[in-house]
Every structure is written in structure tokens, then in C-alpha cells.
């Protein structure tokens, strides 16, 4: 008969998420994770498998919580421009929120990582985000809300690069006001 867990799995997962967010995948050690999570290594392995699987679960949790603003922005606004503006404004807010590490886990966790699986997983998430922006722009082109010659892939790449830059700037100490100002400048590129 198995023993009952002596810890709250959701709380432990949130603490692991913050460790990965703060330090990146490679620099986050199992001992650092277990210390932050308040569990011992056997409990980590029993509950989450291994570091890589724990990271995958942390990334999914991030997307469902801290990072969910991006999908809400793209789905919840009447035009692509309004959606992208909301995405940039909310990124400025979330990336600088002192309640958690700065920036974006999906953007920063692969820094200095040599694990090909982690690199590819995070690249896939970033590419999916860029594709979502592109699809939102393409819908407006098809609806006649944007000029037919609008280069949706290039515009999506530009705004994805702005968002990634905002994450890096937040990690370097940029303020919400500073990132909002950058967003205002970036929106001048809108066709």
C-alpha cells in the first residue's frame, strides 16, 4: 500500500516553476528544487518523475496561469491591433510584477541551456505564440481591417521580438512604465 504524500503538490509545483523562472532550466539544480519545494529528492521523483518532466509540468502551469494573458489578449479583442496592444501592455505588467520573478519563463528558461529537448520545447512554445499573433493578423487582413499587402508573418515576428525583448528588459530591471513606453513606440509600426 502506497504512502500518502506529505506535501501539497500544487504548492510544490508553483515553487518549482518559480525556481526555473528565476534561474533557467540548466542552472536549477535538483537540490535547489527540493529546497524550494520543501520536499526531499525521493518525493520529487515519486511525484514528478525527474527534473525534465517537472520542468514540462512547470511550463504548462506557467502557460495556464502567469502566461495565460497572451492567449486571452489575442482572443478577447475585436481587432488584431487591439489584441497586440493589449498583449504588449499586459506583458509590461506581468513581466515586472514583483510577486514573481521578472520576465517570461518561456523566453528566459532556455538561456544558457544545452539540453536539446528543453531548447526545442521552449522554441515550440515561442513559435506557437508567434503563430497565434500571425493568425490574428491574417484574420484582420481577410476581413479587410488591414491592407491586403500586410505582411502578417513579418509583423508577427516583429511583435514576437518586441515581447521577447520586453522579457529580457524586465529581467534587467526595466519598469512597467519603461516597458509601456517601448510598447507605445512598437505600436507605431502597425500598418
C-alpha atoms as a PDB file:
ATOM      1  CA  UNK A   1       0.000   0.000   0.000  1.00  0.00           C
ATOM      2  CA  UNK A   2       1.463   3.373  -1.071  1.00  0.00           C
ATOM      3  CA  UNK A   3       2.126   6.172   1.356  1.00  0.00           C
ATOM      4  CA  UNK A   4       0.170   9.400   1.203  1.00  0.00           C
ATOM      5  CA  UNK A   5       2.031  12.486   0.060  1.00  0.00           C
ATOM      6  CA  UNK A   6       3.026  14.770   2.922  1.00  0.00           C
ATOM      7  CA  UNK A   7       3.061  17.907   0.765  1.00  0.00           C
ATOM      8  CA  UNK A   8       0.719  19.954  -1.408  1.00  0.00           C
ATOM      9  CA  UNK A   9       1.622  19.047  -4.986  1.00  0.00           C
ATOM     10  CA  UNK A  10       0.236  22.303  -6.443  1.00  0.00           C
ATOM     11  CA  UNK A  11       2.219  24.448  -3.999  1.00  0.00           C
ATOM     12  CA  UNK A  12       5.364  22.425  -4.715  1.00  0.00           C
ATOM     13  CA  UNK A  13       4.825  22.792  -8.471  1.00  0.00           C
ATOM     14  CA  UNK A  14       4.404  26.570  -8.168  1.00  0.00           C
ATOM     15  CA  UNK A  15       7.640  26.783  -6.177  1.00  0.00           C
ATOM     16  CA  UNK A  16       9.448  24.688  -8.809  1.00  0.00           C
ATOM     17  CA  UNK A  17       8.027  26.945 -11.528  1.00  0.00           C
ATOM     18  CA  UNK A  18       9.491  29.976  -9.757  1.00  0.00           C
ATOM     19  CA  UNK A  19      12.892  28.288  -9.414  1.00  0.00           C
ATOM     20  CA  UNK A  20      13.004  27.507 -13.141  1.00  0.00           C
ATOM     21  CA  UNK A  21      11.734  31.015 -13.926  1.00  0.00           C
ATOM     22  CA  UNK A  22      14.341  32.649 -11.703  1.00  0.00           C
ATOM     23  CA  UNK A  23      17.372  30.539 -12.698  1.00  0.00           C
ATOM     24  CA  UNK A  24      16.562  28.861 -16.031  1.00  0.00           C
ATOM     25  CA  UNK A  25      16.429  25.140 -16.671  1.00  0.00           C
ATOM     26  CA  UNK A  26      20.100  24.258 -16.566  1.00  0.00           C
ATOM     27  CA  UNK A  27      21.094  26.365 -13.563  1.00  0.00           C
ATOM     28  CA  UNK A  28      18.223  24.972 -11.482  1.00  0.00           C
ATOM     29  CA  UNK A  29      19.543  22.001  -9.532  1.00  0.00           C
ATOM     30  CA  UNK A  30      17.550  19.165  -8.045  1.00  0.00           C
ATOM     31  CA  UNK A  31      18.796  20.211  -4.595  1.00  0.00           C
ATOM     32  CA  UNK A  32      17.645  23.791  -5.257  1.00  0.00           C
ATOM     33  CA  UNK A  33      14.282  22.498  -6.418  1.00  0.00           C
ATOM     34  CA  UNK A  34      13.754  20.236  -3.419  1.00  0.00           C
ATOM     35  CA  UNK A  35      14.773  23.016  -1.050  1.00  0.00           C
ATOM     36  CA  UNK A  36      12.365  25.490  -2.670  1.00  0.00           C
ATOM     37  CA  UNK A  37       9.599  22.902  -2.849  1.00  0.00           C
ATOM     38  CA  UNK A  38      10.093  21.786   0.757  1.00  0.00           C
ATOM     39  CA  UNK A  39      10.445  18.120  -0.192  1.00  0.00           C
ATOM     40  CA  UNK A  40      13.222  15.546  -0.438  1.00  0.00           C
ATOM     41  CA  UNK A  41      14.582  14.110  -3.724  1.00  0.00           C
ATOM     42  CA  UNK A  42      12.684  10.796  -3.475  1.00  0.00           C
ATOM     43  CA  UNK A  43       9.423  12.762  -3.124  1.00  0.00           C
ATOM     44  CA  UNK A  44      10.297  14.878  -6.172  1.00  0.00           C
ATOM     45  CA  UNK A  45      10.957  11.780  -8.267  1.00  0.00           C
ATOM     46  CA  UNK A  46       7.861   9.981  -6.967  1.00  0.00           C
ATOM     47  CA  UNK A  47       5.557  12.942  -7.616  1.00  0.00           C
ATOM     48  CA  UNK A  48       7.042  14.428 -10.789  1.00  0.00           C
ATOM     49  CA  UNK A  49       9.319  11.813 -12.358  1.00  0.00           C
ATOM     50  CA  UNK A  50      12.528  13.709 -12.996  1.00  0.00           C
ATOM     51  CA  UNK A  51      13.772  17.272 -13.462  1.00  0.00           C
ATOM     52  CA  UNK A  52      12.843  17.367 -17.152  1.00  0.00           C
ATOM     53  CA  UNK A  53       9.277  16.169 -16.562  1.00  0.00           C
ATOM     54  CA  UNK A  54       8.916  18.561 -13.628  1.00  0.00           C
ATOM     55  CA  UNK A  55      10.056  21.367 -15.918  1.00  0.00           C
ATOM     56  CA  UNK A  56       7.489  20.381 -18.565  1.00  0.00           C
ATOM     57  CA  UNK A  57       4.772  20.433 -15.942  1.00  0.00           C
ATOM     58  CA  UNK A  58       6.005  23.811 -14.648  1.00  0.00           C
ATOM     59  CA  UNK A  59       5.885  25.246 -18.180  1.00  0.00           C
ATOM     60  CA  UNK A  60       2.303  24.026 -18.616  1.00  0.00           C
ATOM     61  CA  UNK A  61       1.366  25.566 -15.256  1.00  0.00           C
ATOM     62  CA  UNK A  62       3.019  28.838 -16.294  1.00  0.00           C
ATOM     63  CA  UNK A  63       1.007  28.952 -19.505  1.00  0.00           C
ATOM     64  CA  UNK A  64      -2.218  28.278 -17.615  1.00  0.00           C
ATOM     65  CA  UNK A  65      -1.530  30.985 -15.021  1.00  0.00           C
ATOM     66  CA  UNK A  66       1.102  33.712 -15.383  1.00  0.00           C
ATOM     67  CA  UNK A  67       1.404  33.393 -19.164  1.00  0.00           C
ATOM     68  CA  UNK A  68      -2.304  32.993 -19.977  1.00  0.00           C
ATOM     69  CA  UNK A  69      -2.645  36.730 -20.610  1.00  0.00           C
ATOM     70  CA  UNK A  70      -1.316  36.319 -24.150  1.00  0.00           C
ATOM     71  CA  UNK A  71      -3.991  33.918 -25.378  1.00  0.00           C
ATOM     72  CA  UNK A  72      -6.694  35.950 -23.612  1.00  0.00           C
ATOM     73  CA  UNK A  73      -5.477  39.132 -25.317  1.00  0.00           C
ATOM     74  CA  UNK A  74      -5.416  37.566 -28.776  1.00  0.00           C
ATOM     75  CA  UNK A  75      -8.867  36.020 -28.352  1.00  0.00           C
ATOM     76  CA  UNK A  76     -10.583  38.790 -26.441  1.00  0.00           C
ATOM     77  CA  UNK A  77     -10.170  41.875 -28.607  1.00  0.00           C
ATOM     78  CA  UNK A  78     -12.183  42.888 -31.690  1.00  0.00           C
ATOM     79  CA  UNK A  79      -9.146  43.682 -33.871  1.00  0.00           C
ATOM     80  CA  UNK A  80      -5.612  42.383 -34.238  1.00  0.00           C
ATOM     81  CA  UNK A  81      -4.220  45.810 -33.357  1.00  0.00           C
ATOM     82  CA  UNK A  82      -6.241  45.963 -30.139  1.00  0.00           C
ATOM     83  CA  UNK A  83      -5.182  42.388 -29.333  1.00  0.00           C
ATOM     84  CA  UNK A  84      -1.486  43.110 -29.897  1.00  0.00           C
ATOM     85  CA  UNK A  85      -1.685  46.338 -27.906  1.00  0.00           C
ATOM     86  CA  UNK A  86      -3.334  44.505 -25.008  1.00  0.00           C
ATOM     87  CA  UNK A  87      -0.704  41.765 -25.296  1.00  0.00           C
ATOM     88  CA  UNK A  88       2.122  44.318 -25.045  1.00  0.00           C
ATOM     89  CA  UNK A  89       0.516  46.263 -22.182  1.00  0.00           C
ATOM     90  CA  UNK A  90      -0.193  43.126 -20.186  1.00  0.00           C
ATOM     91  CA  UNK A  91       3.322  41.816 -20.860  1.00  0.00           C
ATOM     92  CA  UNK A  92       4.673  45.072 -19.372  1.00  0.00           C
ATOM     93  CA  UNK A  93       2.541  44.477 -16.287  1.00  0.00           C
ATOM     94  CA  UNK A  94       3.179  40.746 -15.853  1.00  0.00           C
ATOM     95  CA  UNK A  95       6.893  40.853 -16.667  1.00  0.00           C
ATOM     96  CA  UNK A  96       7.529  43.480 -13.981  1.00  0.00           C
ATOM     97  CA  UNK A  97       5.162  42.177 -11.287  1.00  0.00           C
ATOM     98  CA  UNK A  98       7.229  41.911  -8.074  1.00  0.00           C
ATOM     99  CA  UNK A  99       5.114  38.950  -6.901  1.00  0.00           C
ATOM    100  CA  UNK A 100       7.214  36.592  -9.041  1.00  0.00           C
ATOM    101  CA  UNK A 101      10.497  36.518 -10.980  1.00  0.00           C
ATOM    102  CA  UNK A 102      10.751  39.115 -13.760  1.00  0.00           C
ATOM    103  CA  UNK A 103      10.267  38.437 -17.444  1.00  0.00           C
ATOM    104  CA  UNK A 104       8.754  35.350 -19.028  1.00  0.00           C
ATOM    105  CA  UNK A 105       9.580  31.745 -18.145  1.00  0.00           C
ATOM    106  CA  UNK A 106       9.119  30.571 -21.753  1.00  0.00           C
ATOM    107  CA  UNK A 107      11.569  33.177 -23.022  1.00  0.00           C
ATOM    108  CA  UNK A 108      14.179  33.096 -20.275  1.00  0.00           C
ATOM    109  CA  UNK A 109      14.322  29.470 -19.092  1.00  0.00           C
ATOM    110  CA  UNK A 110      16.344  28.298 -22.094  1.00  0.00           C
ATOM    111  CA  UNK A 111      19.110  30.858 -21.633  1.00  0.00           C
ATOM    112  CA  UNK A 112      22.440  29.039 -21.297  1.00  0.00           C
ATOM    113  CA  UNK A 113      20.754  25.644 -21.623  1.00  0.00           C
ATOM    114  CA  UNK A 114      22.431  22.869 -23.559  1.00  0.00           C
ATOM    115  CA  UNK A 115      19.566  20.364 -23.168  1.00  0.00           C
ATOM    116  CA  UNK A 116      18.302  19.969 -26.734  1.00  0.00           C
ATOM    117  CA  UNK A 117      14.894  18.765 -25.546  1.00  0.00           C
ATOM    118  CA  UNK A 118      14.338  21.832 -23.374  1.00  0.00           C
ATOM    119  CA  UNK A 119      15.587  24.168 -26.107  1.00  0.00           C
ATOM    120  CA  UNK A 120      13.215  22.604 -28.636  1.00  0.00           C
ATOM    121  CA  UNK A 121      10.266  22.530 -26.235  1.00  0.00           C
ATOM    122  CA  UNK A 122      10.596  26.224 -25.401  1.00  0.00           C
ATOM    123  CA  UNK A 123      11.220  27.162 -29.027  1.00  0.00           C
ATOM    124  CA  UNK A 124       7.990  25.354 -29.879  1.00  0.00           C
ATOM    125  CA  UNK A 125       6.072  27.406 -27.325  1.00  0.00           C
ATOM    126  CA  UNK A 126       7.573  30.663 -28.613  1.00  0.00           C
ATOM    127  CA  UNK A 127       6.830  29.694 -32.227  1.00  0.00           C
ATOM    128  CA  UNK A 128       3.246  28.836 -31.274  1.00  0.00           C
ATOM    129  CA  UNK A 129       2.879  32.281 -29.695  1.00  0.00           C
ATOM    130  CA  UNK A 130       4.218  33.954 -32.826  1.00  0.00           C
ATOM    131  CA  UNK A 131       1.885  31.848 -34.989  1.00  0.00           C
ATOM    132  CA  UNK A 132      -1.082  32.915 -32.847  1.00  0.00           C
ATOM    133  CA  UNK A 133      -0.201  36.569 -33.446  1.00  0.00           C
ATOM    134  CA  UNK A 134       0.189  35.897 -37.186  1.00  0.00           C
ATOM    135  CA  UNK A 135      -3.198  34.132 -37.384  1.00  0.00           C
ATOM    136  CA  UNK A 136      -4.869  37.032 -35.573  1.00  0.00           C
ATOM    137  CA  UNK A 137      -3.333  39.487 -38.070  1.00  0.00           C
ATOM    138  CA  UNK A 138      -4.309  37.285 -41.036  1.00  0.00           C
ATOM    139  CA  UNK A 139      -7.936  37.244 -39.840  1.00  0.00           C
ATOM    140  CA  UNK A 140      -7.976  41.042 -39.979  1.00  0.00           C
ATOM    141  CA  UNK A 141      -6.383  41.056 -43.445  1.00  0.00           C
ATOM    142  CA  UNK A 142      -9.077  38.620 -44.654  1.00  0.00           C
ATOM    143  CA  UNK A 143     -11.793  40.751 -43.036  1.00  0.00           C
ATOM    144  CA  UNK A 144     -10.495  43.890 -44.778  1.00  0.00           C
ATOM    145  CA  UNK A 145      -9.468  45.529 -41.491  1.00  0.00           C
ATOM    146  CA  UNK A 146      -5.825  45.602 -42.569  1.00  0.00           C
ATOM    147  CA  UNK A 147      -4.440  46.360 -46.040  1.00  0.00           C
ATOM    148  CA  UNK A 148      -4.225  43.269 -48.283  1.00  0.00           C
ATOM    149  CA  UNK A 149      -0.467  43.757 -48.693  1.00  0.00           C
ATOM    150  CA  UNK A 150       0.108  43.453 -44.925  1.00  0.00           C
ATOM    151  CA  UNK A 151       2.998  41.060 -44.330  1.00  0.00           C
ATOM    152  CA  UNK A 152       1.432  39.089 -41.474  1.00  0.00           C
ATOM    153  CA  UNK A 153       4.444  36.788 -40.879  1.00  0.00           C
ATOM    154  CA  UNK A 154       6.867  39.734 -40.674  1.00  0.00           C
ATOM    155  CA  UNK A 155       4.531  41.749 -38.451  1.00  0.00           C
ATOM    156  CA  UNK A 156       4.066  38.760 -36.131  1.00  0.00           C
ATOM    157  CA  UNK A 157       7.832  38.200 -35.995  1.00  0.00           C
ATOM    158  CA  UNK A 158       8.363  41.879 -35.177  1.00  0.00           C
ATOM    159  CA  UNK A 159       5.898  41.852 -32.273  1.00  0.00           C
ATOM    160  CA  UNK A 160       7.180  38.487 -31.003  1.00  0.00           C
ATOM    161  CA  UNK A 161      10.671  40.026 -30.971  1.00  0.00           C
ATOM    162  CA  UNK A 162       9.349  43.047 -29.068  1.00  0.00           C
ATOM    163  CA  UNK A 163       7.737  40.772 -26.482  1.00  0.00           C
ATOM    164  CA  UNK A 164      10.920  38.726 -26.121  1.00  0.00           C
ATOM    165  CA  UNK A 165      12.896  41.938 -25.720  1.00  0.00           C
ATOM    166  CA  UNK A 166      10.473  43.168 -23.089  1.00  0.00           C
ATOM    167  CA  UNK A 167      11.101  39.976 -21.121  1.00  0.00           C
ATOM    168  CA  UNK A 168      14.869  40.493 -21.288  1.00  0.00           C
ATOM    169  CA  UNK A 169      14.496  44.142 -20.302  1.00  0.00           C
ATOM    170  CA  UNK A 170      12.312  43.192 -17.319  1.00  0.00           C
ATOM    171  CA  UNK A 171      14.971  40.723 -16.163  1.00  0.00           C
ATOM    172  CA  UNK A 172      17.466  43.590 -16.403  1.00  0.00           C
ATOM    173  CA  UNK A 173      15.300  45.758 -14.138  1.00  0.00           C
ATOM    174  CA  UNK A 174      13.097  47.699 -16.575  1.00  0.00           C
ATOM    175  CA  UNK A 175       9.973  49.178 -15.007  1.00  0.00           C
ATOM    176  CA  UNK A 176       6.408  48.734 -16.146  1.00  0.00           C
ATOM    177  CA  UNK A 177       6.372  52.371 -17.269  1.00  0.00           C
ATOM    178  CA  UNK A 178       9.524  51.826 -19.304  1.00  0.00           C
ATOM    179  CA  UNK A 179       8.088  48.733 -20.979  1.00  0.00           C
ATOM    180  CA  UNK A 180       4.797  50.554 -21.619  1.00  0.00           C
ATOM    181  CA  UNK A 181       6.754  53.309 -23.371  1.00  0.00           C
ATOM    182  CA  UNK A 182       8.524  50.714 -25.505  1.00  0.00           C
ATOM    183  CA  UNK A 183       5.142  49.175 -26.373  1.00  0.00           C
ATOM    184  CA  UNK A 184       3.836  52.568 -27.449  1.00  0.00           C
ATOM    185  CA  UNK A 185       6.803  53.006 -29.774  1.00  0.00           C
ATOM    186  CA  UNK A 186       6.467  49.478 -31.161  1.00  0.00           C
ATOM    187  CA  UNK A 187       2.786  50.039 -31.980  1.00  0.00           C
ATOM    188  CA  UNK A 188       3.806  52.820 -34.366  1.00  0.00           C
ATOM    189  CA  UNK A 189       4.925  50.047 -36.710  1.00  0.00           C
ATOM    190  CA  UNK A 190       1.319  48.872 -37.091  1.00  0.00           C
ATOM    191  CA  UNK A 191       0.111  49.236 -40.706  1.00  0.00           C
END
